[in-house]
Amino acid sequence: MYETDVHSGPHAIPSRPSPVKTLAILLGVFGVLGLLIAFVLMAAINDSSGHGQSVPILLYVLFFVQFALSTAQTASGVFLWRGRSWARTLAIALCSVNIVGGLVSLATGAIFQAVAGIAINIGLIRLANNDEVQAWCGR
């Protein structure tokens, strides 16, 4: 329940470092935003198909990819908060995938979106490689 210097026996509960808190919260927030985008995409798909228009299968694939990546990003934030090393590895992998997506966006002309996404994900990877985050996830 408490994070700092609480004794529930012979061992003190270690304090969660602020870079861990920051990274976990950012991963969770960006994951939830991604889920919202996925649901907006699905609503648009359902609206189009409900009006008799044919919907390309690619849109369904994009929905499921967005949903899976966003769910994984949210989970990595939750479990990084709890100190799981696999969550840190997953976060780095997801940020790398997002950087590749940013490069694709850059090639299609969405320059501001691409540069912002790439910069944010590079920042998240740097934060995930912070010594305190590594120590927290390696305990």
Protein backbone atom coordinates (compact mmCIF):
# COMPACT_ATOMS: atom_id res chain seq x y z
CA MET A 1 0.00 0.00 0.00
CA TYR A 2 2.76 2.42 0.91
CA GLU A 3 5.87 2.84 -1.19
CA THR A 4 8.49 4.28 1.13
CA ASP A 5 10.11 2.89 4.22
CA VAL A 6 7.28 0.72 5.48
CA HIS A 7 8.26 -2.26 7.56
CA SER A 8 5.93 -5.22 7.34
CA GLY A 9 8.44 -7.55 8.84
CA PRO A 10 12.17 -7.76 8.68
CA HIS A 11 12.44 -6.25 5.16
CA ALA A 12 11.61 -2.72 3.99
CA ILE A 13 9.59 -2.32 0.81
CA PRO A 14 11.82 -0.57 -1.74
CA SER A 15 10.75 2.81 -3.02
CA ARG A 16 9.66 2.89 -6.67
CA PRO A 17 12.03 5.23 -8.56
CA SER A 18 10.47 8.22 -10.32
CA PRO A 19 11.72 7.17 -13.81
CA VAL A 20 9.79 3.91 -13.34
CA LYS A 21 6.66 5.83 -12.37
CA THR A 22 7.04 8.17 -15.34
CA LEU A 23 7.63 5.38 -17.85
CA ALA A 24 4.81 3.20 -16.54
CA ILE A 25 2.31 6.07 -16.58
CA LEU A 26 3.33 7.21 -20.08
CA LEU A 27 3.09 3.66 -21.43
CA GLY A 28 -0.34 3.27 -19.86
CA VAL A 29 -1.61 6.61 -21.16
CA PHE A 30 -0.32 6.03 -24.70
CA GLY A 31 -1.70 2.49 -24.63
CA VAL A 32 -5.17 3.68 -23.61
CA LEU A 33 -5.07 6.41 -26.28
CA GLY A 34 -4.15 3.75 -28.83
CA LEU A 35 -7.11 1.65 -27.71
CA LEU A 36 -9.41 4.64 -28.15
CA ILE A 37 -8.07 5.14 -31.68
CA ALA A 38 -8.65 1.44 -32.40
CA PHE A 39 -12.27 1.70 -31.28
CA VAL A 40 -12.81 4.84 -33.37
CA LEU A 41 -11.40 2.95 -36.36
CA MET A 42 -13.75 0.03 -35.68
CA ALA A 43 -16.71 2.41 -35.40
CA ALA A 44 -15.81 3.88 -38.80
CA ILE A 45 -15.51 0.38 -40.26
CA ASN A 46 -18.88 -0.65 -38.83
CA ASP A 47 -20.49 2.55 -40.10
CA SER A 48 -19.20 1.95 -43.62
CA SER A 49 -20.24 -1.70 -43.68
CA GLY A 50 -23.62 -0.83 -42.15
CA HIS A 51 -24.37 1.45 -45.08
CA GLY A 52 -23.69 -1.24 -47.64
CA GLN A 53 -20.19 -0.12 -48.55
CA SER A 54 -17.50 -2.72 -48.97
CA VAL A 55 -14.72 -2.39 -46.42
CA PRO A 56 -11.20 -3.43 -47.41
CA ILE A 57 -9.82 -6.28 -45.32
CA LEU A 58 -6.77 -4.08 -44.65
CA LEU A 59 -8.89 -1.88 -42.36
CA TYR A 60 -9.83 -4.89 -40.24
CA VAL A 61 -6.16 -5.89 -40.08
CA LEU A 62 -5.21 -2.35 -39.04
CA PHE A 63 -7.83 -2.44 -36.28
CA PHE A 64 -6.59 -5.72 -34.85
CA VAL A 65 -2.93 -4.66 -35.06
CA GLN A 66 -3.72 -1.33 -33.36
CA PHE A 67 -5.77 -3.11 -30.70
CA ALA A 68 -3.07 -5.71 -29.99
CA LEU A 69 -0.20 -3.20 -29.84
CA SER A 70 -2.15 -0.81 -27.63
CA THR A 71 -3.23 -3.57 -25.26
CA ALA A 72 0.36 -4.80 -25.02
CA GLN A 73 1.61 -1.26 -24.38
CA THR A 74 -0.92 -0.75 -21.59
CA ALA A 75 0.03 -4.10 -20.06
CA SER A 76 3.73 -3.27 -20.27
CA GLY A 77 3.07 -0.08 -18.30
CA VAL A 78 1.12 -1.93 -15.61
CA PHE A 79 3.67 -4.71 -15.20
CA LEU A 80 6.66 -2.38 -15.44
CA TRP A 81 5.12 -0.59 -12.43
CA ARG A 82 5.27 -3.93 -10.65
CA GLY A 83 8.92 -4.49 -11.65
CA ARG A 84 8.62 -7.24 -14.25
CA SER A 85 11.68 -7.44 -16.49
CA TRP A 86 9.68 -8.82 -19.43
CA ALA A 87 7.48 -5.71 -19.34
CA ARG A 88 10.53 -3.49 -19.85
CA THR A 89 11.63 -5.64 -22.79
CA LEU A 90 8.11 -5.56 -24.24
CA ALA A 91 7.98 -1.76 -23.87
CA ILE A 92 11.25 -1.36 -25.77
CA ALA A 93 10.04 -3.71 -28.53
CA LEU A 94 6.71 -1.87 -28.85
CA CYS A 95 8.42 1.51 -28.98
CA SER A 96 10.67 0.15 -31.73
CA VAL A 97 7.61 -0.99 -33.69
CA ASN A 98 6.10 2.47 -33.19
CA ILE A 99 9.29 4.08 -34.54
CA VAL A 100 9.02 1.92 -37.67
CA GLY A 101 5.39 3.03 -37.97
CA GLY A 102 6.55 6.62 -37.63
CA LEU A 103 9.02 6.13 -40.46
CA VAL A 104 6.22 4.75 -42.63
CA SER A 105 4.08 7.79 -41.72
CA LEU A 106 7.00 10.02 -42.64
CA ALA A 107 7.17 8.38 -46.06
CA THR A 108 3.44 8.94 -46.61
CA GLY A 109 3.66 12.66 -45.82
CA ALA A 110 2.36 12.85 -42.24
CA ILE A 111 5.50 14.71 -41.17
CA PHE A 112 4.41 16.27 -37.85
CA GLN A 113 2.72 13.08 -36.64
CA ALA A 114 5.72 10.99 -37.67
CA VAL A 115 8.35 13.23 -36.09
CA ALA A 116 6.35 13.55 -32.86
CA GLY A 117 5.76 9.79 -32.65
CA ILE A 118 9.39 8.97 -33.36
CA ALA A 119 10.63 11.50 -30.79
CA ILE A 120 8.25 10.25 -28.09
CA ASN A 121 9.18 6.62 -28.67
CA ILE A 122 12.91 7.37 -28.66
CA GLY A 123 12.36 9.15 -25.34
CA LEU A 124 10.47 6.15 -23.96
CA ILE A 125 13.26 3.78 -25.03
CA ARG A 126 15.85 6.02 -23.38
CA LEU A 127 13.76 6.08 -20.21
CA ALA A 128 13.40 2.28 -20.30
CA ASN A 129 17.19 2.03 -20.47
CA ASN A 130 17.63 4.29 -17.43
CA ASP A 131 19.74 2.63 -14.72
CA GLU A 132 17.00 3.01 -12.11
CA VAL A 133 14.41 1.40 -14.39
CA GLN A 134 16.77 -1.47 -15.19
CA ALA A 135 17.51 -1.97 -11.50
CA TRP A 136 13.79 -1.88 -10.60
CA CYS A 137 12.95 -4.47 -13.25
CA GLY A 138 15.93 -6.64 -12.41
CA ARG A 139 15.31 -6.95 -8.70
